[in-house]
Amino acid sequence: MTTHLPETPSDRSSLHADDPLHRIRSLDRRLTVAMTRASNTLQEALDDIEPAYTSITADMHDRALDEHRVFWCRVVLARFIALHLSSRLTPEQMMWWTR
């Protein structure tokens, strides 16, 4: 799985570095790369701990799942904010997306 997303020529030529939309797109690309790396790292970690998984208590398992969910909720929220800022959603549209 690739973790590098090159900018397209249109990104480089039509957007200035100080342009908020350019910064948002750049942030989205970096978030995509970070999500890919985190997913790969998580899979490697799960492969490493799988033999010891049978000895983990239900409480520890639930806590780990909760922490995992919180992490991904934050990632999704950051991407949603970037989407909102880049597409200039109206408050009504934003409320629809958050239902």
PDB file of N, CA and C in Angstrom:
ATOM      1  N   MET A   1       0.851  -1.172   0.000  1.00  0.00           N
ATOM      2  CA  MET A   1       0.000   0.000   0.000  1.00  0.00           C
ATOM      3  C   MET A   1       0.899   1.237   0.000  1.00  0.00           C
ATOM      4  N   THR A   2       0.613   2.161  -0.864  1.00  0.00           N
ATOM      5  CA  THR A   2       1.455   3.362  -0.961  1.00  0.00           C
ATOM      6  C   THR A   2       1.080   4.359   0.125  1.00  0.00           C
ATOM      7  N   THR A   3       2.074   5.049   0.633  1.00  0.00           N
ATOM      8  CA  THR A   3       1.811   6.062   1.659  1.00  0.00           C
ATOM      9  C   THR A   3       2.186   7.451   1.183  1.00  0.00           C
ATOM     10  N   HIS A   4       2.524   7.575  -0.087  1.00  0.00           N
ATOM     11  CA  HIS A   4       2.879   8.889  -0.625  1.00  0.00           C
ATOM     12  C   HIS A   4       1.866   9.266  -1.691  1.00  0.00           C
ATOM     13  N   LEU A   5       1.231  10.412  -1.512  1.00  0.00           N
ATOM     14  CA  LEU A   5       0.256  10.889  -2.484  1.00  0.00           C
ATOM     15  C   LEU A   5       0.803  12.154  -3.126  1.00  0.00           C
ATOM     16  N   PRO A   6       1.292  12.062  -4.348  1.00  0.00           N
ATOM     17  CA  PRO A   6       1.875  13.249  -4.983  1.00  0.00           C
ATOM     18  C   PRO A   6       0.816  14.289  -5.311  1.00  0.00           C
ATOM     19  N   GLU A   7       1.240  15.518  -5.311  1.00  0.00           N
ATOM     20  CA  GLU A   7       0.346  16.599  -5.720  1.00  0.00           C
ATOM     21  C   GLU A   7       0.171  16.533  -7.227  1.00  0.00           C
ATOM     22  N   THR A   8      -1.020  16.894  -7.665  1.00  0.00           N
ATOM     23  CA  THR A   8      -1.255  16.947  -9.103  1.00  0.00           C
ATOM     24  C   THR A   8      -0.728  18.271  -9.631  1.00  0.00           C
ATOM     25  N   PRO A   9      -0.438  18.352 -10.929  1.00  0.00           N
ATOM     26  CA  PRO A   9       0.032  19.635 -11.484  1.00  0.00           C
ATOM     27  C   PRO A   9      -0.935  20.781 -11.214  1.00  0.00           C
ATOM     28  N   SER A  10      -2.242  20.484 -11.225  1.00  0.00           N
ATOM     29  CA  SER A  10      -3.210  21.556 -10.972  1.00  0.00           C
ATOM     30  C   SER A  10      -3.082  22.074  -9.543  1.00  0.00           C
ATOM     31  N   ASP A  11      -2.752  21.174  -8.590  1.00  0.00           N
ATOM     32  CA  ASP A  11      -2.546  21.618  -7.211  1.00  0.00           C
ATOM     33  C   ASP A  11      -1.373  22.579  -7.128  1.00  0.00           C
ATOM     34  N   ARG A  12      -0.289  22.270  -7.825  1.00  0.00           N
ATOM     35  CA  ARG A  12       0.909  23.100  -7.745  1.00  0.00           C
ATOM     36  C   ARG A  12       0.740  24.419  -8.487  1.00  0.00           C
ATOM     37  N   SER A  13       0.071  24.394  -9.633  1.00  0.00           N
ATOM     38  CA  SER A  13       0.034  25.603 -10.453  1.00  0.00           C
ATOM     39  C   SER A  13      -1.096  26.549 -10.086  1.00  0.00           C
ATOM     40  N   SER A  14      -2.256  26.016  -9.707  1.00  0.00           N
ATOM     41  CA  SER A  14      -3.400  26.903  -9.509  1.00  0.00           C
ATOM     42  C   SER A  14      -3.577  27.355  -8.065  1.00  0.00           C
ATOM     43  N   LEU A  15      -2.890  26.729  -7.146  1.00  0.00           N
ATOM     44  CA  LEU A  15      -3.084  27.083  -5.747  1.00  0.00           C
ATOM     45  C   LEU A  15      -1.800  27.635  -5.159  1.00  0.00           C
ATOM     46  N   HIS A  16      -1.930  28.739  -4.504  1.00  0.00           N
ATOM     47  CA  HIS A  16      -0.788  29.359  -3.840  1.00  0.00           C
ATOM     48  C   HIS A  16      -0.631  28.731  -2.452  1.00  0.00           C
ATOM     49  N   ALA A  17       0.569  28.674  -1.946  1.00  0.00           N
ATOM     50  CA  ALA A  17       0.838  28.032  -0.656  1.00  0.00           C
ATOM     51  C   ALA A  17       0.066  28.681   0.492  1.00  0.00           C
ATOM     52  N   ASP A  18      -0.267  29.966   0.378  1.00  0.00           N
ATOM     53  CA  ASP A  18      -1.010  30.646   1.437  1.00  0.00           C
ATOM     54  C   ASP A  18      -2.518  30.501   1.286  1.00  0.00           C
ATOM     55  N   ASP A  19      -2.966  29.850   0.236  1.00  0.00           N
ATOM     56  CA  ASP A  19      -4.388  29.669  -0.021  1.00  0.00           C
ATOM     57  C   ASP A  19      -4.959  28.656   0.979  1.00  0.00           C
ATOM     58  N   PRO A  20      -6.030  29.011   1.704  1.00  0.00           N
ATOM     59  CA  PRO A  20      -6.601  28.079   2.683  1.00  0.00           C
ATOM     60  C   PRO A  20      -7.024  26.749   2.055  1.00  0.00           C
ATOM     61  N   LEU A  21      -7.566  26.774   0.859  1.00  0.00           N
ATOM     62  CA  LEU A  21      -7.983  25.538   0.206  1.00  0.00           C
ATOM     63  C   LEU A  21      -6.784  24.638  -0.059  1.00  0.00           C
ATOM     64  N   HIS A  22      -5.665  25.232  -0.435  1.00  0.00           N
ATOM     65  CA  HIS A  22      -4.440  24.454  -0.653  1.00  0.00           C
ATOM     66  C   HIS A  22      -3.985  23.811   0.659  1.00  0.00           C
ATOM     67  N   ARG A  23      -4.047  24.564   1.743  1.00  0.00           N
ATOM     68  CA  ARG A  23      -3.644  24.018   3.044  1.00  0.00           C
ATOM     69  C   ARG A  23      -4.568  22.883   3.465  1.00  0.00           C
ATOM     70  N   ILE A  24      -5.865  23.029   3.192  1.00  0.00           N
ATOM     71  CA  ILE A  24      -6.826  21.987   3.546  1.00  0.00           C
ATOM     72  C   ILE A  24      -6.561  20.724   2.739  1.00  0.00           C
ATOM     73  N   ARG A  25      -6.336  20.889   1.439  1.00  0.00           N
ATOM     74  CA  ARG A  25      -6.037  19.717   0.610  1.00  0.00           C
ATOM     75  C   ARG A  25      -4.742  19.052   1.059  1.00  0.00           C
ATOM     76  N   SER A  26      -3.766  19.860   1.422  1.00  0.00           N
ATOM     77  CA  SER A  26      -2.497  19.321   1.905  1.00  0.00           C
ATOM     78  C   SER A  26      -2.714  18.555   3.213  1.00  0.00           C
ATOM     79  N   LEU A  27      -3.517  19.119   4.106  1.00  0.00           N
ATOM     80  CA  LEU A  27      -3.836  18.449   5.360  1.00  0.00           C
ATOM     81  C   LEU A  27      -4.553  17.136   5.091  1.00  0.00           C
ATOM     82  N   ASP A  28      -5.497  17.139   4.161  1.00  0.00           N
ATOM     83  CA  ASP A  28      -6.230  15.923   3.837  1.00  0.00           C
ATOM     84  C   ASP A  28      -5.286  14.847   3.303  1.00  0.00           C
ATOM     85  N   ARG A  29      -4.333  15.257   2.449  1.00  0.00           N
ATOM     86  CA  ARG A  29      -3.356  14.283   1.931  1.00  0.00           C
ATOM     87  C   ARG A  29      -2.517  13.715   3.070  1.00  0.00           C
ATOM     88  N   ARG A  30      -2.089  14.592   3.986  1.00  0.00           N
ATOM     89  CA  ARG A  30      -1.274  14.118   5.112  1.00  0.00           C
ATOM     90  C   ARG A  30      -2.084  13.204   6.028  1.00  0.00           C
ATOM     91  N   LEU A  31      -3.364  13.527   6.235  1.00  0.00           N
ATOM     92  CA  LEU A  31      -4.220  12.658   7.046  1.00  0.00           C
ATOM     93  C   LEU A  31      -4.396  11.295   6.393  1.00  0.00           C
ATOM     94  N   THR A  32      -4.545  11.284   5.065  1.00  0.00           N
ATOM     95  CA  THR A  32      -4.678  10.015   4.351  1.00  0.00           C
ATOM     96  C   THR A  32      -3.428   9.163   4.539  1.00  0.00           C
ATOM     97  N   VAL A  33      -2.269   9.785   4.414  1.00  0.00           N
ATOM     98  CA  VAL A  33      -1.004   9.065   4.609  1.00  0.00           C
ATOM     99  C   VAL A  33      -0.912   8.562   6.050  1.00  0.00           C
ATOM    100  N   ALA A  34      -1.258   9.418   7.008  1.00  0.00           N
ATOM    101  CA  ALA A  34      -1.184   9.024   8.418  1.00  0.00           C
ATOM    102  C   ALA A  34      -2.144   7.878   8.717  1.00  0.00           C
ATOM    103  N   MET A  35      -3.348   7.922   8.137  1.00  0.00           N
ATOM    104  CA  MET A  35      -4.313   6.850   8.350  1.00  0.00           C
ATOM    105  C   MET A  35      -3.793   5.534   7.784  1.00  0.00           C
ATOM    106  N   THR A  36      -3.167   5.587   6.610  1.00  0.00           N
ATOM    107  CA  THR A  36      -2.616   4.380   6.004  1.00  0.00           C
ATOM    108  C   THR A  36      -1.504   3.812   6.874  1.00  0.00           C
ATOM    109  N   ARG A  37      -0.618   4.677   7.323  1.00  0.00           N
ATOM    110  CA  ARG A  37       0.480   4.219   8.187  1.00  0.00           C
ATOM    111  C   ARG A  37      -0.056   3.646   9.498  1.00  0.00           C
ATOM    112  N   ALA A  38      -1.038   4.327  10.088  1.00  0.00           N
ATOM    113  CA  ALA A  38      -1.610   3.849  11.350  1.00  0.00           C
ATOM    114  C   ALA A  38      -2.276   2.498  11.159  1.00  0.00           C
ATOM    115  N   SER A  39      -2.974   2.332  10.051  1.00  0.00           N
ATOM    116  CA  SER A  39      -3.630   1.061   9.767  1.00  0.00           C
ATOM    117  C   SER A  39      -2.603  -0.053   9.607  1.00  0.00           C
ATOM    118  N   ASN A  40      -1.530   0.228   8.872  1.00  0.00           N
ATOM    119  CA  ASN A  40      -0.473  -0.771   8.685  1.00  0.00           C
ATOM    120  C   ASN A  40       0.194  -1.107  10.013  1.00  0.00           C
ATOM    121  N   THR A  41       0.467  -0.080  10.824  1.00  0.00           N
ATOM    122  CA  THR A  41       1.105  -0.291  12.123  1.00  0.00           C
ATOM    123  C   THR A  41       0.196  -1.098  13.036  1.00  0.00           C
ATOM    124  N   LEU A  42      -1.096  -0.783  13.018  1.00  0.00           N
ATOM    125  CA  LEU A  42      -2.050  -1.517  13.841  1.00  0.00           C
ATOM    126  C   LEU A  42      -2.088  -2.983  13.432  1.00  0.00           C
ATOM    127  N   GLN A  43      -2.109  -3.252  12.142  1.00  0.00           N
ATOM    128  CA  GLN A  43      -2.137  -4.638  11.672  1.00  0.00           C
ATOM    129  C   GLN A  43      -0.880  -5.385  12.111  1.00  0.00           C
ATOM    130  N   GLU A  44       0.276  -4.736  12.000  1.00  0.00           N
ATOM    131  CA  GLU A  44       1.527  -5.364  12.439  1.00  0.00           C
ATOM    132  C   GLU A  44       1.489  -5.638  13.943  1.00  0.00           C
ATOM    133  N   ALA A  45       0.972  -4.677  14.702  1.00  0.00           N
ATOM    134  CA  ALA A  45       0.892  -4.859  16.153  1.00  0.00           C
ATOM    135  C   ALA A  45      -0.053  -6.001  16.503  1.00  0.00           C
ATOM    136  N   LEU A  46      -1.181  -6.075  15.806  1.00  0.00           N
ATOM    137  CA  LEU A  46      -2.124  -7.163  16.065  1.00  0.00           C
ATOM    138  C   LEU A  46      -1.505  -8.516  15.740  1.00  0.00           C
ATOM    139  N   ASP A  47      -0.743  -8.578  14.650  1.00  0.00           N
ATOM    140  CA  ASP A  47      -0.062  -9.824  14.294  1.00  0.00           C
ATOM    141  C   ASP A  47       0.935 -10.228  15.375  1.00  0.00           C
ATOM    142  N   ASP A  48       1.616  -9.223  15.960  1.00  0.00           N
ATOM    143  CA  ASP A  48       2.614  -9.507  17.001  1.00  0.00           C
ATOM    144  C   ASP A  48       1.981  -9.977  18.307  1.00  0.00           C
ATOM    145  N   ILE A  49       0.826  -9.418  18.663  1.00  0.00           N
ATOM    146  CA  ILE A  49       0.237  -9.748  19.963  1.00  0.00           C
ATOM    147  C   ILE A  49      -0.813 -10.845  19.894  1.00  0.00           C
ATOM    148  N   GLU A  50      -1.136 -11.324  18.714  1.00  0.00           N
ATOM    149  CA  GLU A  50      -2.193 -12.328  18.585  1.00  0.00           C
ATOM    150  C   GLU A  50      -1.979 -13.544  19.480  1.00  0.00           C
ATOM    151  N   PRO A  51      -0.751 -14.088  19.591  1.00  0.00           N
ATOM    152  CA  PRO A  51      -0.574 -15.253  20.479  1.00  0.00           C
ATOM    153  C   PRO A  51      -0.930 -14.955  21.938  1.00  0.00           C
ATOM    154  N   ALA A  52      -0.687 -13.735  22.384  1.00  0.00           N
ATOM    155  CA  ALA A  52      -0.980 -13.382  23.775  1.00  0.00           C
ATOM    156  C   ALA A  52      -2.426 -12.927  23.957  1.00  0.00           C
ATOM    157  N   TYR A  53      -3.157 -12.812  22.876  1.00  0.00           N
ATOM    158  CA  TYR A  53      -4.518 -12.271  22.923  1.00  0.00           C
ATOM    159  C   TYR A  53      -5.444 -13.119  23.784  1.00  0.00           C
ATOM    160  N   THR A  54      -5.212 -14.430  23.804  1.00  0.00           N
ATOM    161  CA  THR A  54      -6.111 -15.307  24.556  1.00  0.00           C
ATOM    162  C   THR A  54      -6.055 -15.045  26.053  1.00  0.00           C
ATOM    163  N   SER A  55      -4.960 -14.454  26.546  1.00  0.00           N
ATOM    164  CA  SER A  55      -4.844 -14.214  27.986  1.00  0.00           C
ATOM    165  C   SER A  55      -5.349 -12.833  28.401  1.00  0.00           C
ATOM    166  N   ILE A  56      -5.797 -12.014  27.460  1.00  0.00           N
ATOM    167  CA  ILE A  56      -6.259 -10.666  27.784  1.00  0.00           C
ATOM    168  C   ILE A  56      -7.662 -10.742  28.402  1.00  0.00           C
ATOM    169  N   THR A  57      -7.901  -9.909  29.397  1.00  0.00           N
ATOM    170  CA  THR A  57      -9.208  -9.914  30.046  1.00  0.00           C
ATOM    171  C   THR A  57     -10.213  -9.153  29.186  1.00  0.00           C
ATOM    172  N   ALA A  58     -11.477  -9.413  29.434  1.00  0.00           N
ATOM    173  CA  ALA A  58     -12.541  -8.747  28.673  1.00  0.00           C
ATOM    174  C   ALA A  58     -12.504  -7.237  28.901  1.00  0.00           C
ATOM    175  N   ASP A  59     -12.201  -6.819  30.134  1.00  0.00           N
ATOM    176  CA  ASP A  59     -12.130  -5.389  30.448  1.00  0.00           C
ATOM    177  C   ASP A  59     -11.008  -4.712  29.663  1.00  0.00           C
ATOM    178  N   MET A  60      -9.840  -5.359  29.606  1.00  0.00           N
ATOM    179  CA  MET A  60      -8.717  -4.801  28.849  1.00  0.00           C
ATOM    180  C   MET A  60      -9.061  -4.733  27.363  1.00  0.00           C
ATOM    181  N   HIS A  61      -9.739  -5.751  26.872  1.00  0.00           N
ATOM    182  CA  HIS A  61     -10.133  -5.784  25.462  1.00  0.00           C
ATOM    183  C   HIS A  61     -11.095  -4.641  25.155  1.00  0.00           C
ATOM    184  N   ASP A  62     -12.092  -4.446  26.009  1.00  0.00           N
ATOM    185  CA  ASP A  62     -13.060  -3.366  25.807  1.00  0.00           C
ATOM    186  C   ASP A  62     -12.389  -1.997  25.855  1.00  0.00           C
ATOM    187  N   ARG A  63     -11.451  -1.820  26.787  1.00  0.00           N
ATOM    188  CA  ARG A  63     -10.736  -0.548  26.896  1.00  0.00           C
ATOM    189  C   ARG A  63      -9.907  -0.277  25.638  1.00  0.00           C
ATOM    190  N   ALA A  64      -9.241  -1.307  25.127  1.00  0.00           N
ATOM    191  CA  ALA A  64      -8.440  -1.144  23.908  1.00  0.00           C
ATOM    192  C   ALA A  64      -9.331  -0.783  22.724  1.00  0.00           C
ATOM    193  N   LEU A  65     -10.489  -1.431  22.625  1.00  0.00           N
ATOM    194  CA  LEU A  65     -11.419  -1.108  21.541  1.00  0.00           C
ATOM    195  C   LEU A  65     -11.930   0.321  21.665  1.00  0.00           C
ATOM    196  N   ASP A  66     -12.229   0.756  22.890  1.00  0.00           N
ATOM    197  CA  ASP A  66     -12.688   2.132  23.094  1.00  0.00           C
ATOM    198  C   ASP A  66     -11.628   3.138  22.666  1.00  0.00           C
ATOM    199  N   GLU A  67     -10.369   2.889  23.036  1.00  0.00           N
ATOM    200  CA  GLU A  67      -9.287   3.796  22.644  1.00  0.00           C
ATOM    201  C   GLU A  67      -9.118   3.817  21.130  1.00  0.00           C
ATOM    202  N   HIS A  68      -9.257   2.662  20.511  1.00  0.00           N
ATOM    203  CA  HIS A  68      -9.153   2.571  19.054  1.00  0.00           C
ATOM    204  C   HIS A  68     -10.279   3.374  18.393  1.00  0.00           C
ATOM    205  N   ARG A  69     -11.490   3.232  18.910  1.00  0.00           N
ATOM    206  CA  ARG A  69     -12.635   3.971  18.353  1.00  0.00           C
ATOM    207  C   ARG A  69     -12.449   5.480  18.507  1.00  0.00           C
ATOM    208  N   VAL A  70     -11.960   5.915  19.660  1.00  0.00           N
ATOM    209  CA  VAL A  70     -11.729   7.348  19.892  1.00  0.00           C
ATOM    210  C   VAL A  70     -10.721   7.884  18.888  1.00  0.00           C
ATOM    211  N   PHE A  71      -9.634   7.143  18.665  1.00  0.00           N
ATOM    212  CA  PHE A  71      -8.620   7.572  17.704  1.00  0.00           C
ATOM    213  C   PHE A  71      -9.235   7.758  16.322  1.00  0.00           C
ATOM    214  N   TRP A  72      -9.979   6.766  15.845  1.00  0.00           N
ATOM    215  CA  TRP A  72     -10.535   6.858  14.494  1.00  0.00           C
ATOM    216  C   TRP A  72     -11.646   7.896  14.405  1.00  0.00           C
ATOM    217  N   CYS A  73     -12.386   8.115  15.490  1.00  0.00           N
ATOM    218  CA  CYS A  73     -13.391   9.189  15.492  1.00  0.00           C
ATOM    219  C   CYS A  73     -12.715  10.544  15.319  1.00  0.00           C
ATOM    220  N   ARG A  74     -11.572  10.724  15.965  1.00  0.00           N
ATOM    221  CA  ARG A  74     -10.841  11.985  15.814  1.00  0.00           C
ATOM    222  C   ARG A  74     -10.339  12.159  14.388  1.00  0.00           C
ATOM    223  N   VAL A  75      -9.867  11.079  13.784  1.00  0.00           N
ATOM    224  CA  VAL A  75      -9.395  11.152  12.399  1.00  0.00           C
ATOM    225  C   VAL A  75     -10.551  11.505  11.473  1.00  0.00           C
ATOM    226  N   VAL A  76     -11.686  10.837  11.652  1.00  0.00           N
ATOM    227  CA  VAL A  76     -12.852  11.110  10.807  1.00  0.00           C
ATOM    228  C   VAL A  76     -13.333  12.537  11.017  1.00  0.00           C
ATOM    229  N   LEU A  77     -13.339  13.003  12.251  1.00  0.00           N
ATOM    230  CA  LEU A  77     -13.753  14.379  12.531  1.00  0.00           C
ATOM    231  C   LEU A  77     -12.822  15.379  11.855  1.00  0.00           C
ATOM    232  N   ALA A  78     -11.526  15.137  11.909  1.00  0.00           N
ATOM    233  CA  ALA A  78     -10.571  16.041  11.249  1.00  0.00           C
ATOM    234  C   ALA A  78     -10.808  16.066   9.747  1.00  0.00           C
ATOM    235  N   ARG A  79     -11.087  14.908   9.155  1.00  0.00           N
ATOM    236  CA  ARG A  79     -11.356  14.865   7.715  1.00  0.00           C
ATOM    237  C   ARG A  79     -12.675  15.566   7.396  1.00  0.00           C
ATOM    238  N   PHE A  80     -13.676  15.413   8.265  1.00  0.00           N
ATOM    239  CA  PHE A  80     -14.952  16.081   8.041  1.00  0.00           C
ATOM    240  C   PHE A  80     -14.779  17.593   8.094  1.00  0.00           C
ATOM    241  N   ILE A  81     -13.990  18.076   9.054  1.00  0.00           N
ATOM    242  CA  ILE A  81     -13.743  19.514   9.150  1.00  0.00           C
ATOM    243  C   ILE A  81     -13.044  20.010   7.896  1.00  0.00           C
ATOM    244  N   ALA A  82     -12.061  19.248   7.411  1.00  0.00           N
ATOM    245  CA  ALA A  82     -11.375  19.634   6.173  1.00  0.00           C
ATOM    246  C   ALA A  82     -12.359  19.657   5.008  1.00  0.00           C
ATOM    247  N   LEU A  83     -13.239  18.659   4.948  1.00  0.00           N
ATOM    248  CA  LEU A  83     -14.251  18.624   3.886  1.00  0.00           C
ATOM    249  C   LEU A  83     -15.176  19.824   4.003  1.00  0.00           C
ATOM    250  N   HIS A  84     -15.606  20.111   5.216  1.00  0.00           N
ATOM    251  CA  HIS A  84     -16.509  21.242   5.440  1.00  0.00           C
ATOM    252  C   HIS A  84     -15.861  22.553   5.000  1.00  0.00           C
ATOM    253  N   LEU A  85     -14.622  22.751   5.386  1.00  0.00           N
ATOM    254  CA  LEU A  85     -13.946  23.995   5.036  1.00  0.00           C
ATOM    255  C   LEU A  85     -13.669  24.090   3.545  1.00  0.00           C
ATOM    256  N   SER A  86     -13.366  22.952   2.915  1.00  0.00           N
ATOM    257  CA  SER A  86     -13.031  22.997   1.492  1.00  0.00           C
ATOM    258  C   SER A  86     -14.264  23.141   0.614  1.00  0.00           C
ATOM    259  N   SER A  87     -15.394  22.607   1.054  1.00  0.00           N
ATOM    260  CA  SER A  87     -16.585  22.664   0.205  1.00  0.00           C
ATOM    261  C   SER A  87     -17.539  23.775   0.619  1.00  0.00           C
ATOM    262  N   ARG A  88     -17.225  24.420   1.726  1.00  0.00           N
ATOM    263  CA  ARG A  88     -18.063  25.523   2.201  1.00  0.00           C
ATOM    264  C   ARG A  88     -19.523  25.081   2.380  1.00  0.00           C
ATOM    265  N   LEU A  89     -19.704  23.976   3.108  1.00  0.00           N
ATOM    266  CA  LEU A  89     -21.048  23.500   3.378  1.00  0.00           C
ATOM    267  C   LEU A  89     -21.823  24.553   4.172  1.00  0.00           C
ATOM    268  N   THR A  90     -23.107  24.647   3.896  1.00  0.00           N
ATOM    269  CA  THR A  90     -23.957  25.537   4.681  1.00  0.00           C
ATOM    270  C   THR A  90     -24.209  24.872   6.035  1.00  0.00           C
ATOM    271  N   PRO A  91     -24.624  25.636   7.040  1.00  0.00           N
ATOM    272  CA  PRO A  91     -24.921  25.016   8.343  1.00  0.00           C
ATOM    273  C   PRO A  91     -25.977  23.918   8.242  1.00  0.00           C
ATOM    274  N   GLU A  92     -26.970  24.102   7.360  1.00  0.00           N
ATOM    275  CA  GLU A  92     -28.004  23.087   7.189  1.00  0.00           C
ATOM    276  C   GLU A  92     -27.411  21.795   6.632  1.00  0.00           C
ATOM    277  N   GLN A  93     -26.515  21.933   5.643  1.00  0.00           N
ATOM    278  CA  GLN A  93     -25.867  20.751   5.083  1.00  0.00           C
ATOM    279  C   GLN A  93     -24.980  20.080   6.129  1.00  0.00           C
ATOM    280  N   MET A  94     -24.309  20.898   6.924  1.00  0.00           N
ATOM    281  CA  MET A  94     -23.441  20.343   7.956  1.00  0.00           C
ATOM    282  C   MET A  94     -24.264  19.563   8.978  1.00  0.00           C
ATOM    283  N   MET A  95     -25.422  20.092   9.365  1.00  0.00           N
ATOM    284  CA  MET A  95     -26.293  19.387  10.310  1.00  0.00           C
ATOM    285  C   MET A  95     -26.757  18.063   9.718  1.00  0.00           C
ATOM    286  N   TRP A  96     -27.040  18.040   8.408  1.00  0.00           N
ATOM    287  CA  TRP A  96     -27.467  16.799   7.765  1.00  0.00           C
ATOM    288  C   TRP A  96     -26.360  15.756   7.845  1.00  0.00           C
ATOM    289  N   TRP A  97     -25.100  16.180   7.603  1.00  0.00           N
ATOM    290  CA  TRP A  97     -23.968  15.241   7.617  1.00  0.00           C
ATOM    291  C   TRP A  97     -23.688  14.704   9.010  1.00  0.00           C
ATOM    292  N   THR A  98     -24.036  15.463  10.045  1.00  0.00           N
ATOM    293  CA  THR A  98     -23.703  15.033  11.404  1.00  0.00           C
ATOM    294  C   THR A  98     -24.822  14.253  12.066  1.00  0.00           C
ATOM    295  N   ARG A  99     -25.931  14.038  11.377  1.00  0.00           N
ATOM    296  CA  ARG A  99     -27.028  13.260  11.963  1.00  0.00           C
ATOM    297  C   ARG A  99     -26.622  11.839  12.221  1.00  0.00           C
TER     298      ARG A  99
END
